[in-house]
C-alpha atoms as a PDB file:
ATOM      1  CA  ASP A   1     -14.373 -29.688 -56.971  1.00  0.00           C
ATOM      2  CA  MET A   2     -13.322 -31.821 -54.043  1.00  0.00           C
ATOM      3  CA  HIS A   3      -9.697 -30.833 -54.647  1.00  0.00           C
ATOM      4  CA  HIS A   4     -10.667 -27.167 -54.709  1.00  0.00           C
ATOM      5  CA  LYS A   5     -12.538 -27.536 -51.420  1.00  0.00           C
ATOM      6  CA  ARG A   6      -9.617 -29.338 -49.844  1.00  0.00           C
ATOM      7  CA  ASN A   7      -7.211 -26.528 -50.859  1.00  0.00           C
ATOM      8  CA  THR A   8      -9.608 -23.907 -49.510  1.00  0.00           C
ATOM      9  CA  SER A   9      -9.818 -25.708 -46.188  1.00  0.00           C
ATOM     10  CA  THR A  10      -6.020 -25.929 -45.926  1.00  0.00           C
ATOM     11  CA  SER A  11      -5.681 -22.243 -46.760  1.00  0.00           C
ATOM     12  CA  ASN A  12      -8.180 -21.265 -44.066  1.00  0.00           C
ATOM     13  CA  THR A  13      -6.343 -23.369 -41.479  1.00  0.00           C
ATOM     14  CA  ALA A  14      -3.057 -21.698 -42.351  1.00  0.00           C
ATOM     15  CA  LEU A  15      -4.590 -18.262 -42.045  1.00  0.00           C
ATOM     16  CA  SER A  16      -6.143 -19.229 -38.754  1.00  0.00           C
ATOM     17  CA  GLN A  17      -2.825 -20.419 -37.319  1.00  0.00           C
ATOM     18  CA  GLU A  18      -1.106 -17.275 -38.574  1.00  0.00           C
ATOM     19  CA  GLY A  19      -3.815 -15.122 -36.947  1.00  0.00           C
ATOM     20  CA  LEU A  20      -3.479 -16.982 -33.655  1.00  0.00           C
ATOM     21  CA  GLU A  21       0.274 -16.474 -33.702  1.00  0.00           C
ATOM     22  CA  ARG A  22      -0.137 -12.740 -34.322  1.00  0.00           C
ATOM     23  CA  LEU A  23      -2.664 -12.583 -31.473  1.00  0.00           C
ATOM     24  CA  ARG A  24      -0.282 -14.474 -29.174  1.00  0.00           C
ATOM     25  CA  LEU A  25       2.586 -12.088 -29.979  1.00  0.00           C
ATOM     26  CA  LYS A  26       0.310  -9.095 -29.425  1.00  0.00           C
ATOM     27  CA  ILE A  27      -0.767 -10.409 -26.000  1.00  0.00           C
ATOM     28  CA  LEU A  28       2.834 -11.108 -25.007  1.00  0.00           C
ATOM     29  CA  SER A  29       3.807  -7.619 -26.149  1.00  0.00           C
ATOM     30  CA  GLN A  30       1.029  -6.067 -24.072  1.00  0.00           C
ATOM     31  CA  MET A  31       2.031  -8.164 -21.062  1.00  0.00           C
ATOM     32  CA  SER A  32       5.647  -7.049 -21.349  1.00  0.00           C
ATOM     33  CA  VAL A  33       4.545  -3.441 -21.533  1.00  0.00           C
ATOM     34  CA  ALA A  34       2.239  -3.837 -18.523  1.00  0.00           C
ATOM     35  CA  GLU A  35       4.827  -5.730 -16.446  1.00  0.00           C
ATOM     36  CA  LYS A  36       6.168  -3.534 -13.678  1.00  0.00           C
ATOM     37  CA  SER A  37       9.875  -2.995 -13.365  1.00  0.00           C
ATOM     38  CA  PHE A  38      12.191  -0.868 -11.253  1.00  0.00           C
ATOM     39  CA  ASP A  39      14.259   1.942 -12.704  1.00  0.00           C
ATOM     40  CA  PRO A  40      17.899   0.783 -12.443  1.00  0.00           C
ATOM     41  CA  LEU A  41      18.928   4.455 -12.092  1.00  0.00           C
ATOM     42  CA  ASP A  42      16.732   5.012  -9.031  1.00  0.00           C
ATOM     43  CA  ARG A  43      19.253   5.613  -6.245  1.00  0.00           C
ATOM     44  CA  THR A  44      16.534   5.542  -3.554  1.00  0.00           C
ATOM     45  CA  LEU A  45      16.145   1.775  -4.035  1.00  0.00           C
ATOM     46  CA  THR A  46      18.478  -1.115  -3.315  1.00  0.00           C
ATOM     47  CA  LEU A  47      18.098  -3.275  -6.425  1.00  0.00           C
ATOM     48  CA  VAL A  48      19.377  -6.845  -6.632  1.00  0.00           C
ATOM     49  CA  ASP A  49      19.104  -9.856  -8.914  1.00  0.00           C
ATOM     50  CA  ALA A  50      17.791 -12.413  -6.438  1.00  0.00           C
ATOM     51  CA  LYS A  51      14.804 -14.643  -5.707  1.00  0.00           C
ATOM     52  CA  ASP A  52      11.514 -12.924  -4.852  1.00  0.00           C
ATOM     53  CA  ASP A  53      10.693 -13.710  -1.204  1.00  0.00           C
ATOM     54  CA  LEU A  54       6.954 -13.368  -1.902  1.00  0.00           C
ATOM     55  CA  ASP A  55       6.977 -15.715  -4.903  1.00  0.00           C
ATOM     56  CA  PRO A  56       7.788 -19.370  -4.118  1.00  0.00           C
ATOM     57  CA  PHE A  57       8.439 -20.041  -7.825  1.00  0.00           C
ATOM     58  CA  SER A  58      10.847 -17.148  -8.252  1.00  0.00           C
ATOM     59  CA  PHE A  59      14.458 -17.563  -9.344  1.00  0.00           C
ATOM     60  CA  GLU A  60      17.411 -15.369 -10.240  1.00  0.00           C
ATOM     61  CA  ASP A  61      16.250 -14.388 -13.721  1.00  0.00           C
ATOM     62  CA  GLY A  62      18.226 -11.196 -14.337  1.00  0.00           C
ATOM     63  CA  VAL A  63      15.223  -9.012 -13.462  1.00  0.00           C
ATOM     64  CA  LEU A  64      16.061  -6.450 -10.788  1.00  0.00           C
ATOM     65  CA  LYS A  65      14.070  -6.610  -7.560  1.00  0.00           C
ATOM     66  CA  ALA A  66      14.009  -4.306  -4.546  1.00  0.00           C
ATOM     67  CA  ARG A  67      15.551  -5.178  -1.193  1.00  0.00           C
ATOM     68  CA  LEU A  68      13.341  -3.817   1.597  1.00  0.00           C
ATOM     69  CA  PRO A  69      14.669  -2.325   4.861  1.00  0.00           C
ATOM     70  CA  CYS A  70      13.803  -5.619   6.592  1.00  0.00           C
ATOM     71  CA  GLY A  71      16.103  -7.484   4.182  1.00  0.00           C
ATOM     72  CA  HIS A  72      13.456  -9.235   2.086  1.00  0.00           C
ATOM     73  CA  VAL A  73      13.573  -9.058  -1.701  1.00  0.00           C
ATOM     74  CA  VAL A  74      10.395  -8.352  -3.705  1.00  0.00           C
ATOM     75  CA  SER A  75       9.278  -7.462  -7.195  1.00  0.00           C
ATOM     76  CA  ALA A  76       6.801  -4.638  -7.732  1.00  0.00           C
ATOM     77  CA  GLU A  77       4.183  -7.142  -8.934  1.00  0.00           C
ATOM     78  CA  SER A  78       4.481  -9.519  -5.970  1.00  0.00           C
ATOM     79  CA  LEU A  79       4.413  -6.662  -3.460  1.00  0.00           C
ATOM     80  CA  THR A  80       1.262  -5.261  -5.088  1.00  0.00           C
ATOM     81  CA  ASP A  81      -0.447  -8.671  -4.996  1.00  0.00           C
ATOM     82  CA  SER A  82       0.560  -9.308  -1.383  1.00  0.00           C
ATOM     83  CA  CYS A  83      -0.670  -5.917  -0.182  1.00  0.00           C
ATOM     84  CA  ARG A  84      -3.939  -6.272  -2.088  1.00  0.00           C
ATOM     85  CA  ALA A  85      -4.547  -9.626  -0.396  1.00  0.00           C
ATOM     86  CA  GLN A  86      -3.898  -8.176   3.049  1.00  0.00           C
ATOM     87  CA  LEU A  87      -5.550  -4.792   2.654  1.00  0.00           C
ATOM     88  CA  ASP A  88      -8.384  -5.828   5.000  1.00  0.00           C
ATOM     89  CA  GLU A  89      -5.853  -6.077   7.830  1.00  0.00           C
ATOM     90  CA  VAL A  90      -4.919  -2.405   7.646  1.00  0.00           C
ATOM     91  CA  GLY A  91      -4.325  -0.991  11.105  1.00  0.00           C
ATOM     92  CA  LEU A  92      -5.264   2.310  12.705  1.00  0.00           C
ATOM     93  CA  ASP A  93      -1.912   3.707  11.612  1.00  0.00           C
ATOM     94  CA  PHE A  94      -2.841   3.036   7.955  1.00  0.00           C
ATOM     95  CA  TYR A  95       0.001   0.601   7.434  1.00  0.00           C
ATOM     96  CA  VAL A  96      -0.628  -2.138   4.917  1.00  0.00           C
ATOM     97  CA  LYS A  97       0.686  -5.340   6.471  1.00  0.00           C
ATOM     98  CA  THR A  98       2.544  -7.662   4.130  1.00  0.00           C
ATOM     99  CA  ASP A  99       3.814 -11.210   4.577  1.00  0.00           C
ATOM    100  CA  LEU A 100       7.165  -9.735   5.553  1.00  0.00           C
ATOM    101  CA  ALA A 101       8.803  -9.382   8.940  1.00  0.00           C
ATOM    102  CA  ILE A 102       7.755  -5.773   9.487  1.00  0.00           C
ATOM    103  CA  PRO A 103       4.810  -3.697   8.210  1.00  0.00           C
ATOM    104  CA  LEU A 104       5.357  -1.079   5.523  1.00  0.00           C
ATOM    105  CA  PRO A 105       3.764   2.364   5.553  1.00  0.00           C
ATOM    106  CA  TYR A 106       1.415   2.860   2.613  1.00  0.00           C
ATOM    107  CA  ARG A 107       3.639   5.616   1.203  1.00  0.00           C
ATOM    108  CA  GLU A 108       6.433   3.016   0.897  1.00  0.00           C
ATOM    109  CA  VAL A 109       4.088   0.446  -0.635  1.00  0.00           C
ATOM    110  CA  ARG A 110       3.020   3.019  -3.232  1.00  0.00           C
ATOM    111  CA  ARG A 111       6.631   3.686  -4.176  1.00  0.00           C
ATOM    112  CA  LEU A 112       8.060   0.164  -3.976  1.00  0.00           C
ATOM    113  CA  ALA A 113       5.087  -1.532  -5.672  1.00  0.00           C
ATOM    114  CA  ASP A 114       5.126   1.093  -8.445  1.00  0.00           C
ATOM    115  CA  LEU A 115       1.340   1.389  -8.158  1.00  0.00           C
ATOM    116  CA  THR A 116      -0.630   2.500 -11.190  1.00  0.00           C
ATOM    117  CA  VAL A 117      -3.181   5.305 -10.889  1.00  0.00           C
ATOM    118  CA  GLU A 118      -5.980   2.729 -10.784  1.00  0.00           C
ATOM    119  CA  GLU A 119      -4.196   0.731  -8.058  1.00  0.00           C
ATOM    120  CA  MET A 120      -3.570   3.857  -5.989  1.00  0.00           C
ATOM    121  CA  LEU A 121      -7.273   4.725  -6.178  1.00  0.00           C
ATOM    122  CA  TYR A 122      -8.170   1.178  -5.102  1.00  0.00           C
ATOM    123  CA  PHE A 123      -5.801   1.203  -2.136  1.00  0.00           C
ATOM    124  CA  GLU A 124      -6.608   4.710  -0.958  1.00  0.00           C
ATOM    125  CA  GLU A 125     -10.392   4.322  -1.220  1.00  0.00           C
ATOM    126  CA  ASN A 126     -10.251   1.123   0.824  1.00  0.00           C
ATOM    127  CA  ILE A 127      -7.827   2.568   3.383  1.00  0.00           C
ATOM    128  CA  ALA A 128     -10.149   5.560   3.803  1.00  0.00           C
ATOM    129  CA  ARG A 129     -13.153   3.261   4.197  1.00  0.00           C
ATOM    130  CA  LEU A 130     -11.426   1.157   6.845  1.00  0.00           C
ATOM    131  CA  ALA A 131     -10.167   4.246   8.658  1.00  0.00           C
ATOM    132  CA  ALA A 132     -13.672   5.707   8.729  1.00  0.00           C
ATOM    133  CA  ALA A 133     -15.002   2.471  10.188  1.00  0.00           C
ATOM    134  CA  ASP A 134     -12.408   2.637  12.971  1.00  0.00           C
ATOM    135  CA  TYR A 135     -12.565   6.319  13.806  1.00  0.00           C
ATOM    136  CA  THR A 136     -16.227   7.108  13.224  1.00  0.00           C
ATOM    137  CA  ASP A 137     -19.627   5.506  13.593  1.00  0.00           C
ATOM    138  CA  VAL A 138     -21.253   5.909  10.179  1.00  0.00           C
ATOM    139  CA  GLN A 139     -24.531   4.575   8.790  1.00  0.00           C
ATOM    140  CA  THR A 140     -26.564   5.275   5.687  1.00  0.00           C
ATOM    141  CA  CYS A 141     -29.872   7.048   6.316  1.00  0.00           C
ATOM    142  CA  PRO A 142     -32.590   4.502   5.429  1.00  0.00           C
ATOM    143  CA  LYS A 143     -34.666   7.231   3.764  1.00  0.00           C
ATOM    144  CA  CYS A 144     -32.336   9.466   1.717  1.00  0.00           C
ATOM    145  CA  ARG A 145     -29.211   7.208   1.702  1.00  0.00           C
ATOM    146  CA  THR A 146     -26.993  10.005   2.999  1.00  0.00           C
ATOM    147  CA  ASN A 147     -24.062   8.919   5.176  1.00  0.00           C
ATOM    148  CA  ILE A 148     -24.692   9.937   8.785  1.00  0.00           C
ATOM    149  CA  GLU A 149     -22.116  10.044  11.571  1.00  0.00           C
ATOM    150  CA  ARG A 150     -23.434   9.254  15.037  1.00  0.00           C
ATOM    151  CA  MET A 151     -21.946  11.651  17.555  1.00  0.00           C
ATOM    152  CA  ASP A 152     -23.374  10.056  20.725  1.00  0.00           C
ATOM    153  CA  MET A 153     -22.301   6.408  20.666  1.00  0.00           C
ATOM    154  CA  SER A 154     -24.647   5.556  23.546  1.00  0.00           C
ATOM    155  CA  ASN A 155     -27.820   6.816  21.837  1.00  0.00           C
ATOM    156  CA  LEU A 156     -29.538   4.800  19.102  1.00  0.00           C
ATOM    157  CA  CYS A 157     -31.929   7.616  18.211  1.00  0.00           C
ATOM    158  CA  VAL A 158     -30.335   9.629  15.392  1.00  0.00           C
ATOM    159  CA  GLU A 159     -31.608  12.549  13.333  1.00  0.00           C
ATOM    160  CA  CYS A 160     -30.927  12.850   9.605  1.00  0.00           C
ATOM    161  CA  SER A 161     -30.440  16.572   8.982  1.00  0.00           C
ATOM    162  CA  VAL A 162     -30.992  16.174   5.221  1.00  0.00           C
ATOM    163  CA  CYS A 163     -34.408  14.514   5.605  1.00  0.00           C
ATOM    164  CA  SER A 164     -35.368  16.934   8.383  1.00  0.00           C
ATOM    165  CA  ALA A 165     -34.602  19.897   6.122  1.00  0.00           C
ATOM    166  CA  ASP A 166     -36.460  18.403   3.151  1.00  0.00           C
ATOM    167  CA  GLN A 167     -39.665  17.615   5.043  1.00  0.00           C
ATOM    168  CA  GLU A 168     -39.382  20.577   7.419  1.00  0.00           C
ATOM    169  CA  GLU A 169     -39.774  18.380  10.481  1.00  0.00           C
ATOM    170  CA  SER A 170     -37.394  16.253  12.470  1.00  0.00           C
ATOM    171  CA  TYR A 171     -36.717  12.821  10.939  1.00  0.00           C
ATOM    172  CA  LEU A 172     -35.391  10.342  13.502  1.00  0.00           C
ATOM    173  CA  PHE A 173     -34.376   6.758  12.815  1.00  0.00           C
ATOM    174  CA  CYS A 174     -33.004   3.864  14.842  1.00  0.00           C
ATOM    175  CA  TRP A 175     -29.284   3.232  14.413  1.00  0.00           C
ATOM    176  CA  GLN A 176     -29.819  -0.444  15.166  1.00  0.00           C
ATOM    177  CA  CYS A 177     -32.789  -1.530  13.042  1.00  0.00           C
ATOM    178  CA  LEU A 178     -32.657   1.414  10.577  1.00  0.00           C
ATOM    179  CA  LYS A 179     -36.386   2.070  10.849  1.00  0.00           C
ATOM    180  CA  PRO A 180     -38.140   5.316  11.785  1.00  0.00           C
ATOM    181  CA  TRP A 181     -37.702   5.865  15.510  1.00  0.00           C
ATOM    182  CA  THR A 182     -40.557   4.882  17.787  1.00  0.00           C
ATOM    183  CA  GLY A 183     -40.752   5.091  21.562  1.00  0.00           C
ATOM    184  CA  PRO A 184     -38.933   7.257  24.093  1.00  0.00           C
ATOM    185  CA  ALA A 185     -35.406   8.559  23.487  1.00  0.00           C
ATOM    186  CA  PRO A 186     -32.525   8.553  24.132  1.00  0.00           C
ATOM    187  CA  ARG A 187     -31.950   4.806  24.486  1.00  0.00           C
ATOM    188  CA  SER A 188     -28.858   2.679  24.134  1.00  0.00           C
ATOM    189  CA  ASP A 189     -30.430  -0.782  23.848  1.00  0.00           C
ATOM    190  CA  ARG A 190     -33.273  -0.607  21.284  1.00  0.00           C
ATOM    191  CA  CYS A 191     -36.202   1.403  19.951  1.00  0.00           C
ATOM    192  CA  ALA A 192     -39.853   0.368  20.337  1.00  0.00           C
ATOM    193  CA  ASN A 193     -40.047  -1.423  16.969  1.00  0.00           C
ATOM    194  CA  SER A 194     -40.915  -5.063  17.669  1.00  0.00           C
ATOM    195  CA  ASP A 195     -38.097  -6.493  15.544  1.00  0.00           C
ATOM    196  CA  CYS A 196     -35.371  -4.157  16.815  1.00  0.00           C
ATOM    197  CA  ARG A 197     -32.628  -6.219  18.410  1.00  0.00           C
ATOM    198  CA  ASN A 198     -28.873  -6.165  18.796  1.00  0.00           C
ATOM    199  CA  TYR A 199     -27.588  -9.239  16.967  1.00  0.00           C
ATOM    200  CA  GLU A 200     -24.040  -8.694  18.235  1.00  0.00           C
ATOM    201  CA  LEU A 201     -25.332  -8.806  21.804  1.00  0.00           C
ATOM    202  CA  GLN A 202     -27.421 -11.902  21.057  1.00  0.00           C
ATOM    203  CA  LEU A 203     -24.284 -13.593  19.764  1.00  0.00           C
ATOM    204  CA  LEU A 204     -22.407 -12.773  22.974  1.00  0.00           C
ATOM    205  CA  GLN A 205     -25.242 -14.235  25.041  1.00  0.00           C
ATOM    206  CA  THR A 206     -25.744 -17.424  23.029  1.00  0.00           C
ATOM    207  CA  CYS A 207     -22.233 -18.376  21.865  1.00  0.00           C
ATOM    208  CA  THR A 208     -20.802 -21.745  22.844  1.00  0.00           C
ATOM    209  CA  LEU A 209     -18.375 -22.244  25.718  1.00  0.00           C
ATOM    210  CA  THR A 210     -14.770 -23.050  24.991  1.00  0.00           C
ATOM    211  CA  ASP A 211     -11.565 -23.875  26.850  1.00  0.00           C
ATOM    212  CA  LEU A 212      -8.067 -22.446  26.735  1.00  0.00           C
ATOM    213  CA  PRO A 213      -5.877 -25.588  26.930  1.00  0.00           C
ATOM    214  CA  GLN A 214      -2.735 -23.821  28.165  1.00  0.00           C
ATOM    215  CA  VAL A 215      -4.477 -21.811  30.887  1.00  0.00           C
ATOM    216  CA  HIS A 216      -5.295 -23.606  34.137  1.00  0.00           C
ATOM    217  CA  GLY A 217      -8.955 -23.403  35.094  1.00  0.00           C
ATOM    218  CA  ALA A 218     -10.078 -21.823  31.810  1.00  0.00           C
ATOM    219  CA  ASP A 219     -12.350 -24.658  30.702  1.00  0.00           C
ATOM    220  CA  ALA A 220     -15.793 -23.002  30.401  1.00  0.00           C
ATOM    221  CA  VAL A 221     -15.228 -19.587  28.847  1.00  0.00           C
ATOM    222  CA  PRO A 222     -17.651 -17.908  26.400  1.00  0.00           C
ATOM    223  CA  SER A 223     -16.077 -18.336  22.967  1.00  0.00           C
ATOM    224  CA  ILE A 224     -16.869 -14.765  21.870  1.00  0.00           C
ATOM    225  CA  ARG A 225     -16.165 -11.621  23.861  1.00  0.00           C
ATOM    226  CA  ALA A 226     -16.680  -7.903  23.312  1.00  0.00           C
ATOM    227  CA  CYS A 227     -13.532  -5.880  23.898  1.00  0.00           C
ATOM    228  CA  PRO A 228     -14.011  -4.078  27.248  1.00  0.00           C
ATOM    229  CA  THR A 229     -12.545  -0.913  25.742  1.00  0.00           C
ATOM    230  CA  CYS A 230     -14.160  -0.505  22.321  1.00  0.00           C
ATOM    231  CA  GLY A 231     -16.775  -3.272  22.057  1.00  0.00           C
ATOM    232  CA  GLN A 232     -15.122  -5.003  19.083  1.00  0.00           C
ATOM    233  CA  ARG A 233     -16.052  -8.701  18.808  1.00  0.00           C
ATOM    234  CA  VAL A 234     -13.035 -10.892  19.602  1.00  0.00           C
ATOM    235  CA  GLU A 235     -12.351 -14.639  19.672  1.00  0.00           C
ATOM    236  CA  HIS A 236      -9.410 -16.527  21.209  1.00  0.00           C
ATOM    237  CA  ASP A 237      -7.422 -18.893  18.973  1.00  0.00           C
ATOM    238  CA  LYS A 238      -6.993 -21.294  21.940  1.00  0.00           C
ATOM    239  CA  THR A 239      -3.197 -21.076  21.842  1.00  0.00           C
ATOM    240  CA  GLY A 240      -0.820 -19.358  24.236  1.00  0.00           C
ATOM    241  CA  CYS A 241      -1.856 -17.326  27.260  1.00  0.00           C
ATOM    242  CA  LYS A 242      -5.281 -15.980  28.253  1.00  0.00           C
ATOM    243  CA  ASN A 243      -4.695 -12.432  26.989  1.00  0.00           C
ATOM    244  CA  VAL A 244      -5.743 -11.143  23.570  1.00  0.00           C
ATOM    245  CA  LEU A 245      -5.016  -7.944  21.657  1.00  0.00           C
ATOM    246  CA  CYS A 246      -8.071  -6.147  20.286  1.00  0.00           C
ATOM    247  CA  PRO A 247      -7.616  -5.676  16.510  1.00  0.00           C
ATOM    248  CA  ARG A 248      -9.453  -2.347  16.566  1.00  0.00           C
ATOM    249  CA  CYS A 249      -8.283  -0.358  19.603  1.00  0.00           C
ATOM    250  CA  GLN A 250      -5.019  -2.336  20.041  1.00  0.00           C
ATOM    251  CA  ILE A 251      -5.586  -2.688  23.800  1.00  0.00           C
ATOM    252  CA  GLU A 252      -4.785  -6.032  25.435  1.00  0.00           C
ATOM    253  CA  PHE A 253      -7.221  -7.656  27.841  1.00  0.00           C
ATOM    254  CA  CYS A 254      -7.804 -10.982  29.572  1.00  0.00           C
ATOM    255  CA  PHE A 255     -10.231 -13.170  27.636  1.00  0.00           C
ATOM    256  CA  VAL A 256     -11.201 -14.974  30.844  1.00  0.00           C
ATOM    257  CA  CYS A 257     -11.978 -12.205  33.356  1.00  0.00           C
ATOM    258  CA  LEU A 258     -12.307  -9.305  30.837  1.00  0.00           C
ATOM    259  CA  LYS A 259      -9.962  -7.058  32.818  1.00  0.00           C
ATOM    260  CA  LEU A 260      -7.257  -5.125  31.032  1.00  0.00           C
ATOM    261  CA  THR A 261      -4.056  -7.170  31.067  1.00  0.00           C
ATOM    262  CA  PRO A 262      -2.098  -4.938  33.509  1.00  0.00           C
ATOM    263  CA  VAL A 263      -4.996  -5.107  35.989  1.00  0.00           C
ATOM    264  CA  CYS A 264      -5.434  -8.877  35.633  1.00  0.00           C
ATOM    265  CA  LEU A 265      -1.725  -9.514  36.100  1.00  0.00           C
ATOM    266  CA  GLN A 266      -1.713  -7.727  39.438  1.00  0.00           C
ATOM    267  CA  THR A 267      -3.341 -10.785  41.045  1.00  0.00           C
ATOM    268  CA  SER A 268      -2.539 -13.628  38.608  1.00  0.00           C
ATOM    269  CA  SER A 269      -0.227 -14.532  35.738  1.00  0.00           C
ATOM    270  CA  TYR A 270      -0.572 -15.386  32.069  1.00  0.00           C
ATOM    271  CA  PHE A 271      -1.322 -19.087  32.508  1.00  0.00           C
ATOM    272  CA  ILE A 272      -3.016 -19.420  35.921  1.00  0.00           C
ATOM    273  CA  PRO A 273      -6.659 -18.756  36.888  1.00  0.00           C
ATOM    274  CA  CYS A 274      -7.802 -15.170  37.292  1.00  0.00           C
ATOM    275  CA  SER A 275      -8.479 -14.134  40.867  1.00  0.00           C
ATOM    276  CA  ALA A 276     -11.933 -12.946  39.768  1.00  0.00           C
ATOM    277  CA  GLY A 277     -12.696 -16.219  37.989  1.00  0.00           C
ATOM    278  CA  VAL A 278     -14.361 -16.512  34.582  1.00  0.00           C
ATOM    279  CA  ALA A 279     -16.445 -13.458  33.700  1.00  0.00           C
ATOM    280  CA  PRO A 280     -20.020 -14.415  32.735  1.00  0.00           C
ATOM    281  CA  ARG A 281     -21.516 -13.759  29.322  1.00  0.00           C
ATOM    282  CA  GLN A 282     -21.672 -10.057  28.611  1.00  0.00           C
ATOM    283  CA  THR A 283     -25.093  -8.424  28.760  1.00  0.00           C
ATOM    284  CA  SER A 284     -24.041  -5.150  27.122  1.00  0.00           C
ATOM    285  CA  ILE A 285     -21.470  -4.003  24.577  1.00  0.00           C
ATOM    286  CA  PRO A 286     -18.977  -1.393  25.786  1.00  0.00           C
ATOM    287  CA  VAL A 287     -19.018   1.960  23.991  1.00  0.00           C
ATOM    288  CA  TRP A 288     -15.644   3.226  22.798  1.00  0.00           C
ATOM    289  CA  ARG A 289     -14.949   6.528  24.507  1.00  0.00           C
ATOM    290  CA  ARG A 290     -12.234   7.951  22.246  1.00  0.00           C
ATOM    291  CA  THR A 291     -10.131  10.630  23.912  1.00  0.00           C
END
């Protein structure tokens, strides 16, 4: 009996190892099918057998990779991964910035990264979401959850047309605290709800002071500023000159005096004190007047 049990145990182990090997081969087969590769007959691409500039562990392995216009060499997989990681940095021109020397338009990323249908949906939904955030002011109605675009950026009192139609009377809510509107309107600072406050403005008024080591006289500057053009919150990395480029509107301004760079440079230079001195903490957030 013991011998019979021992043989049974050995047989089960052998079957188990054989099953694991079949599973391993199946997984490898699926991976090879899923692995992206360039069509060697595609004359629109410059294909080379070289190291992948986005993969530090890459080597010349006989697998064709694409040479980009900037000269860098990438595989479809590494380009997809890089662009996914940097999708949040998409600019107003809808370019997906990679780790390479120059940005690539999304249409080129889609082609060079050989995106699947699922990947294209992921990229395009997120690009659309980021574009909407830059070009429009959109909130969800706190009552019906419909997306509402605010047309007057200086007025916090907003009407939801869907709720107004449903209840046959005007439904107004506060863009800031997302509660039913109370008090007089229009207003740009707050409604009459006791807990309605602008947390972005509070941050501007309570942030710590910082210094810009390479700029003379810039030793007590609020560490957070609102872009004087669009109101986007901006911080200085404390390196280089006193000017910063707003990531949203792409307009450069002086972090010290808050004037646009061309205006500031009329009476000072990049590394000397502004003629107007250090601008105090901001007491309001500029509204972006898109033209």
